Amino acid sequence: MAGLGNIYRAEVLFLTGIHPETPAREISFEEIDSIWATSKRLLRRGVAEGKITTVPRRGHRGNTEDRVYVYKRDRFPCRLCEGPISTGTMADRSIWWCATCQPRMR
């Protein structure tokens, strides 16, 4: 995903269940629609709050790792399944994902 930014890229792909190494040609039209809708929702929230926040408000203290699902959370368990958050590099950029919630199935 180009242009959205690294935090939003990690979070949108997590919320739509898409592994970050999935080639674009393998993403369905339904998944594209979901990426678009999720991106719009999160960007609007970011503008309204003046910061990137992707998790529900309850419980986060304001630190970046408290406001997101996977971005830079490789030392924490997944918020949904409690599995490990994975990290890697793609095109010289760091990426984060949950191998359970975002399986590489394609």
PDB file of N, CA and C in Angstrom:
ATOM      1  N   MET A   1       0.849  -1.179   0.000  1.00  0.00           N
ATOM      2  CA  MET A   1       0.000   0.000   0.000  1.00  0.00           C
ATOM      3  C   MET A   1       0.882   1.224   0.000  1.00  0.00           C
ATOM      4  N   ALA A   2       0.838   1.971  -1.042  1.00  0.00           N
ATOM      5  CA  ALA A   2       1.678   3.163  -1.169  1.00  0.00           C
ATOM      6  C   ALA A   2       0.878   4.413  -0.827  1.00  0.00           C
ATOM      7  N   GLY A   3       1.525   5.356  -0.187  1.00  0.00           N
ATOM      8  CA  GLY A   3       0.944   6.660   0.052  1.00  0.00           C
ATOM      9  C   GLY A   3       0.205   6.825   1.360  1.00  0.00           C
ATOM     10  N   LEU A   4      -0.196   5.772   1.995  1.00  0.00           N
ATOM     11  CA  LEU A   4      -0.993   5.872   3.210  1.00  0.00           C
ATOM     12  C   LEU A   4      -0.130   6.118   4.444  1.00  0.00           C
ATOM     13  N   GLY A   5       1.101   5.680   4.410  1.00  0.00           N
ATOM     14  CA  GLY A   5       1.982   5.805   5.564  1.00  0.00           C
ATOM     15  C   GLY A   5       2.152   4.462   6.248  1.00  0.00           C
ATOM     16  N   ASN A   6       3.288   4.289   6.896  1.00  0.00           N
ATOM     17  CA  ASN A   6       3.648   2.996   7.452  1.00  0.00           C
ATOM     18  C   ASN A   6       2.731   2.556   8.597  1.00  0.00           C
ATOM     19  N   ILE A   7       2.330   3.481   9.448  1.00  0.00           N
ATOM     20  CA  ILE A   7       1.454   3.101  10.560  1.00  0.00           C
ATOM     21  C   ILE A   7       0.096   2.659  10.028  1.00  0.00           C
ATOM     22  N   TYR A   8      -0.502   3.503   9.210  1.00  0.00           N
ATOM     23  CA  TYR A   8      -1.809   3.155   8.664  1.00  0.00           C
ATOM     24  C   TYR A   8      -1.735   1.893   7.807  1.00  0.00           C
ATOM     25  N   ARG A   9      -0.654   1.712   7.055  1.00  0.00           N
ATOM     26  CA  ARG A   9      -0.526   0.497   6.241  1.00  0.00           C
ATOM     27  C   ARG A   9      -0.609  -0.740   7.129  1.00  0.00           C
ATOM     28  N   ALA A  10       0.186  -0.763   8.191  1.00  0.00           N
ATOM     29  CA  ALA A  10       0.187  -1.921   9.096  1.00  0.00           C
ATOM     30  C   ALA A  10      -1.186  -2.134   9.717  1.00  0.00           C
ATOM     31  N   GLU A  11      -1.803  -1.065  10.155  1.00  0.00           N
ATOM     32  CA  GLU A  11      -3.077  -1.168  10.859  1.00  0.00           C
ATOM     33  C   GLU A  11      -4.232  -1.540   9.935  1.00  0.00           C
ATOM     34  N   VAL A  12      -4.291  -0.950   8.749  1.00  0.00           N
ATOM     35  CA  VAL A  12      -5.366  -1.266   7.805  1.00  0.00           C
ATOM     36  C   VAL A  12      -5.267  -2.719   7.367  1.00  0.00           C
ATOM     37  N   LEU A  13      -4.055  -3.171   7.050  1.00  0.00           N
ATOM     38  CA  LEU A  13      -3.903  -4.564   6.639  1.00  0.00           C
ATOM     39  C   LEU A  13      -4.262  -5.513   7.779  1.00  0.00           C
ATOM     40  N   PHE A  14      -3.915  -5.155   9.006  1.00  0.00           N
ATOM     41  CA  PHE A  14      -4.312  -5.983  10.143  1.00  0.00           C
ATOM     42  C   PHE A  14      -5.836  -6.049  10.252  1.00  0.00           C
ATOM     43  N   LEU A  15      -6.467  -4.900  10.244  1.00  0.00           N
ATOM     44  CA  LEU A  15      -7.920  -4.844  10.422  1.00  0.00           C
ATOM     45  C   LEU A  15      -8.681  -5.526   9.289  1.00  0.00           C
ATOM     46  N   THR A  16      -8.079  -5.617   8.112  1.00  0.00           N
ATOM     47  CA  THR A  16      -8.738  -6.298   6.992  1.00  0.00           C
ATOM     48  C   THR A  16      -8.261  -7.745   6.849  1.00  0.00           C
ATOM     49  N   GLY A  17      -7.338  -8.176   7.723  1.00  0.00           N
ATOM     50  CA  GLY A  17      -6.882  -9.565   7.731  1.00  0.00           C
ATOM     51  C   GLY A  17      -5.974  -9.946   6.577  1.00  0.00           C
ATOM     52  N   ILE A  18      -5.325  -8.965   5.970  1.00  0.00           N
ATOM     53  CA  ILE A  18      -4.477  -9.220   4.807  1.00  0.00           C
ATOM     54  C   ILE A  18      -3.007  -9.205   5.230  1.00  0.00           C
ATOM     55  N   HIS A  19      -2.292 -10.248   4.882  1.00  0.00           N
ATOM     56  CA  HIS A  19      -0.862 -10.335   5.190  1.00  0.00           C
ATOM     57  C   HIS A  19      -0.128  -9.261   4.378  1.00  0.00           C
ATOM     58  N   PRO A  20       0.833  -8.546   4.972  1.00  0.00           N
ATOM     59  CA  PRO A  20       1.502  -7.458   4.256  1.00  0.00           C
ATOM     60  C   PRO A  20       2.336  -7.885   3.052  1.00  0.00           C
ATOM     61  N   GLU A  21       2.686  -9.154   2.946  1.00  0.00           N
ATOM     62  CA  GLU A  21       3.467  -9.617   1.799  1.00  0.00           C
ATOM     63  C   GLU A  21       2.579 -10.149   0.665  1.00  0.00           C
ATOM     64  N   THR A  22       1.272  -9.985   0.776  1.00  0.00           N
ATOM     65  CA  THR A  22       0.359 -10.427  -0.273  1.00  0.00           C
ATOM     66  C   THR A  22       0.524  -9.533  -1.503  1.00  0.00           C
ATOM     67  N   PRO A  23       0.843 -10.111  -2.651  1.00  0.00           N
ATOM     68  CA  PRO A  23       0.942  -9.295  -3.869  1.00  0.00           C
ATOM     69  C   PRO A  23      -0.406  -8.639  -4.195  1.00  0.00           C
ATOM     70  N   ALA A  24      -0.372  -7.412  -4.671  1.00  0.00           N
ATOM     71  CA  ALA A  24      -1.597  -6.669  -4.979  1.00  0.00           C
ATOM     72  C   ALA A  24      -2.481  -7.428  -5.960  1.00  0.00           C
ATOM     73  N   ARG A  25      -1.888  -8.152  -6.899  1.00  0.00           N
ATOM     74  CA  ARG A  25      -2.680  -8.883  -7.899  1.00  0.00           C
ATOM     75  C   ARG A  25      -3.499 -10.015  -7.280  1.00  0.00           C
ATOM     76  N   GLU A  26      -3.167 -10.388  -6.038  1.00  0.00           N
ATOM     77  CA  GLU A  26      -3.892 -11.459  -5.358  1.00  0.00           C
ATOM     78  C   GLU A  26      -4.986 -10.945  -4.418  1.00  0.00           C
ATOM     79  N   ILE A  27      -5.153  -9.647  -4.348  1.00  0.00           N
ATOM     80  CA  ILE A  27      -6.168  -9.061  -3.463  1.00  0.00           C
ATOM     81  C   ILE A  27      -7.482  -8.938  -4.230  1.00  0.00           C
ATOM     82  N   SER A  28      -8.539  -9.448  -3.644  1.00  0.00           N
ATOM     83  CA  SER A  28      -9.847  -9.436  -4.312  1.00  0.00           C
ATOM     84  C   SER A  28     -10.456  -8.039  -4.305  1.00  0.00           C
ATOM     85  N   PHE A  29     -11.467  -7.854  -5.155  1.00  0.00           N
ATOM     86  CA  PHE A  29     -12.180  -6.570  -5.187  1.00  0.00           C
ATOM     87  C   PHE A  29     -12.854  -6.290  -3.853  1.00  0.00           C
ATOM     88  N   GLU A  30     -13.366  -7.332  -3.203  1.00  0.00           N
ATOM     89  CA  GLU A  30     -14.001  -7.161  -1.895  1.00  0.00           C
ATOM     90  C   GLU A  30     -12.969  -6.687  -0.866  1.00  0.00           C
ATOM     91  N   GLU A  31     -11.766  -7.252  -0.928  1.00  0.00           N
ATOM     92  CA  GLU A  31     -10.712  -6.823  -0.011  1.00  0.00           C
ATOM     93  C   GLU A  31     -10.277  -5.387  -0.294  1.00  0.00           C
ATOM     94  N   ILE A  32     -10.219  -5.014  -1.560  1.00  0.00           N
ATOM     95  CA  ILE A  32      -9.887  -3.626  -1.922  1.00  0.00           C
ATOM     96  C   ILE A  32     -10.926  -2.679  -1.346  1.00  0.00           C
ATOM     97  N   ASP A  33     -12.202  -3.042  -1.478  1.00  0.00           N
ATOM     98  CA  ASP A  33     -13.270  -2.216  -0.902  1.00  0.00           C
ATOM     99  C   ASP A  33     -13.103  -2.100   0.611  1.00  0.00           C
ATOM    100  N   SER A  34     -12.743  -3.197   1.251  1.00  0.00           N
ATOM    101  CA  SER A  34     -12.543  -3.186   2.705  1.00  0.00           C
ATOM    102  C   SER A  34     -11.338  -2.321   3.092  1.00  0.00           C
ATOM    103  N   ILE A  35     -10.257  -2.422   2.332  1.00  0.00           N
ATOM    104  CA  ILE A  35      -9.078  -1.577   2.578  1.00  0.00           C
ATOM    105  C   ILE A  35      -9.465  -0.110   2.459  1.00  0.00           C
ATOM    106  N   TRP A  36     -10.204   0.231   1.415  1.00  0.00           N
ATOM    107  CA  TRP A  36     -10.618   1.621   1.184  1.00  0.00           C
ATOM    108  C   TRP A  36     -11.501   2.123   2.331  1.00  0.00           C
ATOM    109  N   ALA A  37     -12.504   1.361   2.694  1.00  0.00           N
ATOM    110  CA  ALA A  37     -13.424   1.785   3.762  1.00  0.00           C
ATOM    111  C   ALA A  37     -12.697   1.911   5.100  1.00  0.00           C
ATOM    112  N   THR A  38     -11.832   0.961   5.409  1.00  0.00           N
ATOM    113  CA  THR A  38     -11.088   1.003   6.667  1.00  0.00           C
ATOM    114  C   THR A  38     -10.137   2.186   6.683  1.00  0.00           C
ATOM    115  N   SER A  39      -9.470   2.433   5.564  1.00  0.00           N
ATOM    116  CA  SER A  39      -8.554   3.576   5.467  1.00  0.00           C
ATOM    117  C   SER A  39      -9.293   4.888   5.692  1.00  0.00           C
ATOM    118  N   LYS A  40     -10.427   5.051   5.038  1.00  0.00           N
ATOM    119  CA  LYS A  40     -11.210   6.282   5.203  1.00  0.00           C
ATOM    120  C   LYS A  40     -11.624   6.477   6.662  1.00  0.00           C
ATOM    121  N   ARG A  41     -12.098   5.404   7.278  1.00  0.00           N
ATOM    122  CA  ARG A  41     -12.556   5.491   8.670  1.00  0.00           C
ATOM    123  C   ARG A  41     -11.400   5.881   9.602  1.00  0.00           C
ATOM    124  N   LEU A  42     -10.255   5.235   9.445  1.00  0.00           N
ATOM    125  CA  LEU A  42      -9.124   5.517  10.325  1.00  0.00           C
ATOM    126  C   LEU A  42      -8.534   6.904  10.080  1.00  0.00           C
ATOM    127  N   LEU A  43      -8.464   7.317   8.819  1.00  0.00           N
ATOM    128  CA  LEU A  43      -7.945   8.654   8.518  1.00  0.00           C
ATOM    129  C   LEU A  43      -8.860   9.742   9.074  1.00  0.00           C
ATOM    130  N   ARG A  44     -10.159   9.553   8.946  1.00  0.00           N
ATOM    131  CA  ARG A  44     -11.103  10.529   9.522  1.00  0.00           C
ATOM    132  C   ARG A  44     -10.952  10.597  11.037  1.00  0.00           C
ATOM    133  N   ARG A  45     -10.796   9.449  11.658  1.00  0.00           N
ATOM    134  CA  ARG A  45     -10.598   9.427  13.114  1.00  0.00           C
ATOM    135  C   ARG A  45      -9.301  10.140  13.482  1.00  0.00           C
ATOM    136  N   GLY A  46      -8.232   9.898  12.710  1.00  0.00           N
ATOM    137  CA  GLY A  46      -6.961  10.550  12.968  1.00  0.00           C
ATOM    138  C   GLY A  46      -7.052  12.064  12.874  1.00  0.00           C
ATOM    139  N   VAL A  47      -7.770  12.549  11.889  1.00  0.00           N
ATOM    140  CA  VAL A  47      -7.954  13.994  11.748  1.00  0.00           C
ATOM    141  C   VAL A  47      -8.750  14.539  12.936  1.00  0.00           C
ATOM    142  N   ALA A  48      -9.819  13.863  13.294  1.00  0.00           N
ATOM    143  CA  ALA A  48     -10.672  14.315  14.399  1.00  0.00           C
ATOM    144  C   ALA A  48      -9.922  14.327  15.733  1.00  0.00           C
ATOM    145  N   GLU A  49      -9.067  13.318  15.966  1.00  0.00           N
ATOM    146  CA  GLU A  49      -8.364  13.205  17.241  1.00  0.00           C
ATOM    147  C   GLU A  49      -6.995  13.874  17.236  1.00  0.00           C
ATOM    148  N   GLY A  50      -6.492  14.206  16.044  1.00  0.00           N
ATOM    149  CA  GLY A  50      -5.179  14.831  15.951  1.00  0.00           C
ATOM    150  C   GLY A  50      -4.030  13.860  16.175  1.00  0.00           C
ATOM    151  N   LYS A  51      -4.310  12.550  16.060  1.00  0.00           N
ATOM    152  CA  LYS A  51      -3.276  11.516  16.218  1.00  0.00           C
ATOM    153  C   LYS A  51      -3.796  10.211  15.642  1.00  0.00           C
ATOM    154  N   ILE A  52      -2.874   9.321  15.350  1.00  0.00           N
ATOM    155  CA  ILE A  52      -3.263   8.020  14.810  1.00  0.00           C
ATOM    156  C   ILE A  52      -3.676   7.111  15.959  1.00  0.00           C
ATOM    157  N   THR A  53      -4.913   6.673  15.919  1.00  0.00           N
ATOM    158  CA  THR A  53      -5.451   5.737  16.903  1.00  0.00           C
ATOM    159  C   THR A  53      -6.310   4.741  16.149  1.00  0.00           C
ATOM    160  N   THR A  54      -6.011   3.459  16.318  1.00  0.00           N
ATOM    161  CA  THR A  54      -6.784   2.452  15.594  1.00  0.00           C
ATOM    162  C   THR A  54      -7.533   1.497  16.512  1.00  0.00           C
ATOM    163  N   VAL A  55      -7.196   1.467  17.793  1.00  0.00           N
ATOM    164  CA  VAL A  55      -7.894   0.597  18.741  1.00  0.00           C
ATOM    165  C   VAL A  55      -9.012   1.387  19.416  1.00  0.00           C
ATOM    166  N   PRO A  56      -9.994   0.706  19.981  1.00  0.00           N
ATOM    167  CA  PRO A  56     -11.031   1.428  20.727  1.00  0.00           C
ATOM    168  C   PRO A  56     -10.419   2.280  21.840  1.00  0.00           C
ATOM    169  N   ARG A  57     -11.062   3.338  22.195  1.00  0.00           N
ATOM    170  CA  ARG A  57     -10.525   4.292  23.173  1.00  0.00           C
ATOM    171  C   ARG A  57     -10.258   3.679  24.539  1.00  0.00           C
ATOM    172  N   ARG A  58     -11.061   2.731  24.950  1.00  0.00           N
ATOM    173  CA  ARG A  58     -10.915   2.200  26.297  1.00  0.00           C
ATOM    174  C   ARG A  58      -9.536   1.582  26.508  1.00  0.00           C
ATOM    175  N   GLY A  59      -8.903   1.968  27.553  1.00  0.00           N
ATOM    176  CA  GLY A  59      -7.666   1.326  27.958  1.00  0.00           C
ATOM    177  C   GLY A  59      -6.375   1.889  27.403  1.00  0.00           C
ATOM    178  N   HIS A  60      -6.405   2.718  26.359  1.00  0.00           N
ATOM    179  CA  HIS A  60      -5.107   3.192  25.887  1.00  0.00           C
ATOM    180  C   HIS A  60      -4.710   4.472  26.606  1.00  0.00           C
ATOM    181  N   ARG A  61      -3.428   4.557  26.916  1.00  0.00           N
ATOM    182  CA  ARG A  61      -2.902   5.665  27.712  1.00  0.00           C
ATOM    183  C   ARG A  61      -2.282   6.768  26.869  1.00  0.00           C
ATOM    184  N   GLY A  62      -2.248   6.596  25.569  1.00  0.00           N
ATOM    185  CA  GLY A  62      -1.699   7.636  24.722  1.00  0.00           C
ATOM    186  C   GLY A  62      -0.394   7.275  24.045  1.00  0.00           C
ATOM    187  N   ASN A  63       0.335   6.273  24.561  1.00  0.00           N
ATOM    188  CA  ASN A  63       1.549   5.846  23.888  1.00  0.00           C
ATOM    189  C   ASN A  63       1.173   5.234  22.547  1.00  0.00           C
ATOM    190  N   THR A  64       2.062   5.357  21.555  1.00  0.00           N
ATOM    191  CA  THR A  64       1.753   4.803  20.238  1.00  0.00           C
ATOM    192  C   THR A  64       1.387   3.341  20.326  1.00  0.00           C
ATOM    193  N   GLU A  65       2.153   2.531  21.068  1.00  0.00           N
ATOM    194  CA  GLU A  65       1.854   1.098  21.115  1.00  0.00           C
ATOM    195  C   GLU A  65       0.534   0.802  21.813  1.00  0.00           C
ATOM    196  N   ASP A  66       0.011   1.762  22.572  1.00  0.00           N
ATOM    197  CA  ASP A  66      -1.294   1.596  23.207  1.00  0.00           C
ATOM    198  C   ASP A  66      -2.440   1.967  22.267  1.00  0.00           C
ATOM    199  N   ARG A  67      -2.129   2.726  21.199  1.00  0.00           N
ATOM    200  CA  ARG A  67      -3.165   3.229  20.297  1.00  0.00           C
ATOM    201  C   ARG A  67      -3.308   2.429  19.010  1.00  0.00           C
ATOM    202  N   VAL A  68      -2.461   1.399  18.827  1.00  0.00           N
ATOM    203  CA  VAL A  68      -2.453   0.643  17.577  1.00  0.00           C
ATOM    204  C   VAL A  68      -2.533  -0.858  17.853  1.00  0.00           C
ATOM    205  N   TYR A  69      -2.824  -1.615  16.796  1.00  0.00           N
ATOM    206  CA  TYR A  69      -2.910  -3.071  16.913  1.00  0.00           C
ATOM    207  C   TYR A  69      -1.570  -3.765  16.701  1.00  0.00           C
ATOM    208  N   VAL A  70      -0.820  -3.411  15.649  1.00  0.00           N
ATOM    209  CA  VAL A  70       0.409  -4.154  15.341  1.00  0.00           C
ATOM    210  C   VAL A  70       1.646  -3.293  15.154  1.00  0.00           C
ATOM    211  N   TYR A  71       1.504  -2.056  14.760  1.00  0.00           N
ATOM    212  CA  TYR A  71       2.653  -1.205  14.446  1.00  0.00           C
ATOM    213  C   TYR A  71       3.602  -1.091  15.646  1.00  0.00           C
ATOM    214  N   LYS A  72       4.842  -1.531  15.448  1.00  0.00           N
ATOM    215  CA  LYS A  72       5.894  -1.514  16.472  1.00  0.00           C
ATOM    216  C   LYS A  72       5.498  -2.246  17.755  1.00  0.00           C
ATOM    217  N   ARG A  73       4.636  -3.267  17.633  1.00  0.00           N
ATOM    218  CA  ARG A  73       4.192  -4.022  18.808  1.00  0.00           C
ATOM    219  C   ARG A  73       4.742  -5.442  18.809  1.00  0.00           C
ATOM    220  N   ASP A  74       5.892  -5.663  18.169  1.00  0.00           N
ATOM    221  CA  ASP A  74       6.436  -7.010  18.082  1.00  0.00           C
ATOM    222  C   ASP A  74       6.887  -7.562  19.431  1.00  0.00           C
ATOM    223  N   ARG A  75       6.978  -6.754  20.445  1.00  0.00           N
ATOM    224  CA  ARG A  75       7.318  -7.268  21.788  1.00  0.00           C
ATOM    225  C   ARG A  75       6.071  -7.514  22.641  1.00  0.00           C
ATOM    226  N   PHE A  76       4.900  -7.291  22.061  1.00  0.00           N
ATOM    227  CA  PHE A  76       3.633  -7.481  22.746  1.00  0.00           C
ATOM    228  C   PHE A  76       2.813  -8.551  22.037  1.00  0.00           C
ATOM    229  N   PRO A  77       1.866  -9.193  22.725  1.00  0.00           N
ATOM    230  CA  PRO A  77       0.976 -10.141  22.043  1.00  0.00           C
ATOM    231  C   PRO A  77      -0.097  -9.405  21.237  1.00  0.00           C
ATOM    232  N   CYS A  78      -0.664 -10.110  20.285  1.00  0.00           N
ATOM    233  CA  CYS A  78      -1.756  -9.570  19.480  1.00  0.00           C
ATOM    234  C   CYS A  78      -2.918  -9.207  20.394  1.00  0.00           C
ATOM    235  N   ARG A  79      -3.530  -8.080  20.139  1.00  0.00           N
ATOM    236  CA  ARG A  79      -4.667  -7.627  20.941  1.00  0.00           C
ATOM    237  C   ARG A  79      -5.901  -8.512  20.759  1.00  0.00           C
ATOM    238  N   LEU A  80      -6.006  -9.208  19.624  1.00  0.00           N
ATOM    239  CA  LEU A  80      -7.196 -10.023  19.364  1.00  0.00           C
ATOM    240  C   LEU A  80      -7.008 -11.490  19.711  1.00  0.00           C
ATOM    241  N   CYS A  81      -5.863 -12.077  19.333  1.00  0.00           N
ATOM    242  CA  CYS A  81      -5.693 -13.519  19.532  1.00  0.00           C
ATOM    243  C   CYS A  81      -4.606 -13.872  20.545  1.00  0.00           C
ATOM    244  N   GLU A  82      -3.869 -12.871  21.014  1.00  0.00           N
ATOM    245  CA  GLU A  82      -2.771 -13.023  21.973  1.00  0.00           C
ATOM    246  C   GLU A  82      -1.570 -13.780  21.402  1.00  0.00           C
ATOM    247  N   GLY A  83      -1.559 -14.018  20.090  1.00  0.00           N
ATOM    248  CA  GLY A  83      -0.398 -14.610  19.437  1.00  0.00           C
ATOM    249  C   GLY A  83       0.693 -13.568  19.259  1.00  0.00           C
ATOM    250  N   PRO A  84       1.858 -13.990  18.766  1.00  0.00           N
ATOM    251  CA  PRO A  84       2.963 -13.053  18.599  1.00  0.00           C
ATOM    252  C   PRO A  84       2.754 -12.116  17.410  1.00  0.00           C
ATOM    253  N   ILE A  85       3.231 -10.898  17.543  1.00  0.00           N
ATOM    254  CA  ILE A  85       3.278  -9.948  16.436  1.00  0.00           C
ATOM    255  C   ILE A  85       4.611 -10.149  15.733  1.00  0.00           C
ATOM    256  N   SER A  86       4.566 -10.333  14.439  1.00  0.00           N
ATOM    257  CA  SER A  86       5.779 -10.539  13.646  1.00  0.00           C
ATOM    258  C   SER A  86       6.242  -9.223  13.048  1.00  0.00           C
ATOM    259  N   THR A  87       7.517  -9.155  12.726  1.00  0.00           N
ATOM    260  CA  THR A  87       8.075  -7.977  12.074  1.00  0.00           C
ATOM    261  C   THR A  87       9.021  -8.415  10.976  1.00  0.00           C
ATOM    262  N   GLY A  88       9.189  -7.582   9.995  1.00  0.00           N
ATOM    263  CA  GLY A  88      10.083  -7.858   8.880  1.00  0.00           C
ATOM    264  C   GLY A  88      10.361  -6.581   8.125  1.00  0.00           C
ATOM    265  N   THR A  89      10.952  -6.730   6.966  1.00  0.00           N
ATOM    266  CA  THR A  89      11.282  -5.577   6.128  1.00  0.00           C
ATOM    267  C   THR A  89      10.779  -5.833   4.721  1.00  0.00           C
ATOM    268  N   MET A  90      10.211  -4.806   4.126  1.00  0.00           N
ATOM    269  CA  MET A  90       9.760  -4.868   2.743  1.00  0.00           C
ATOM    270  C   MET A  90      10.086  -3.531   2.093  1.00  0.00           C
ATOM    271  N   ALA A  91      10.821  -3.568   0.992  1.00  0.00           N
ATOM    272  CA  ALA A  91      11.209  -2.345   0.280  1.00  0.00           C
ATOM    273  C   ALA A  91      11.866  -1.345   1.241  1.00  0.00           C
ATOM    274  N   ASP A  92      12.753  -1.856   2.080  1.00  0.00           N
ATOM    275  CA  ASP A  92      13.498  -1.050   3.051  1.00  0.00           C
ATOM    276  C   ASP A  92      12.618  -0.362   4.086  1.00  0.00           C
ATOM    277  N   ARG A  93      11.409  -0.850   4.296  1.00  0.00           N
ATOM    278  CA  ARG A  93      10.515  -0.330   5.325  1.00  0.00           C
ATOM    279  C   ARG A  93      10.148  -1.465   6.257  1.00  0.00           C
ATOM    280  N   SER A  94      10.032  -1.167   7.528  1.00  0.00           N
ATOM    281  CA  SER A  94       9.607  -2.178   8.498  1.00  0.00           C
ATOM    282  C   SER A  94       8.125  -2.459   8.332  1.00  0.00           C
ATOM    283  N   ILE A  95       7.753  -3.728   8.572  1.00  0.00           N
ATOM    284  CA  ILE A  95       6.356  -4.129   8.523  1.00  0.00           C
ATOM    285  C   ILE A  95       6.055  -4.955   9.765  1.00  0.00           C
ATOM    286  N   TRP A  96       4.808  -4.924  10.190  1.00  0.00           N
ATOM    287  CA  TRP A  96       4.350  -5.686  11.356  1.00  0.00           C
ATOM    288  C   TRP A  96       3.047  -6.373  11.001  1.00  0.00           C
ATOM    289  N   TRP A  97       2.829  -7.578  11.566  1.00  0.00           N
ATOM    290  CA  TRP A  97       1.587  -8.305  11.340  1.00  0.00           C
ATOM    291  C   TRP A  97       1.429  -9.402  12.382  1.00  0.00           C
ATOM    292  N   CYS A  98       0.231  -9.900  12.499  1.00  0.00           N
ATOM    293  CA  CYS A  98      -0.059 -11.057  13.345  1.00  0.00           C
ATOM    294  C   CYS A  98      -0.220 -12.261  12.420  1.00  0.00           C
ATOM    295  N   ALA A  99       0.646 -13.259  12.598  1.00  0.00           N
ATOM    296  CA  ALA A  99       0.614 -14.432  11.723  1.00  0.00           C
ATOM    297  C   ALA A  99      -0.694 -15.216  11.855  1.00  0.00           C
ATOM    298  N   THR A 100      -1.357 -15.112  12.982  1.00  0.00           N
ATOM    299  CA  THR A 100      -2.625 -15.808  13.172  1.00  0.00           C
ATOM    300  C   THR A 100      -3.777 -15.042  12.527  1.00  0.00           C
ATOM    301  N   CYS A 101      -3.856 -13.750  12.778  1.00  0.00           N
ATOM    302  CA  CYS A 101      -4.952 -12.929  12.254  1.00  0.00           C
ATOM    303  C   CYS A 101      -4.758 -12.546  10.786  1.00  0.00           C
ATOM    304  N   GLN A 102      -3.514 -12.590  10.308  1.00  0.00           N
ATOM    305  CA  GLN A 102      -3.208 -12.218   8.924  1.00  0.00           C
ATOM    306  C   GLN A 102      -2.377 -13.335   8.266  1.00  0.00           C
ATOM    307  N   PRO A 103      -2.927 -14.510   8.132  1.00  0.00           N
ATOM    308  CA  PRO A 103      -2.138 -15.618   7.576  1.00  0.00           C
ATOM    309  C   PRO A 103      -1.784 -15.388   6.104  1.00  0.00           C
ATOM    310  N   ARG A 104      -0.647 -15.893   5.731  1.00  0.00           N
ATOM    311  CA  ARG A 104      -0.210 -15.834   4.328  1.00  0.00           C
ATOM    312  C   ARG A 104      -0.816 -17.043   3.633  1.00  0.00           C
ATOM    313  N   MET A 105      -2.028 -16.916   3.096  1.00  0.00           N
ATOM    314  CA  MET A 105      -2.781 -18.062   2.575  1.00  0.00           C
ATOM    315  C   MET A 105      -2.787 -18.122   1.049  1.00  0.00           C
ATOM    316  N   ARG A 106      -2.215 -17.220   0.388  1.00  0.00           N
ATOM    317  CA  ARG A 106      -2.337 -17.149  -1.076  1.00  0.00           C
ATOM    318  C   ARG A 106      -1.194 -17.838  -1.768  1.00  0.00           C
TER     319      ARG A 106
END
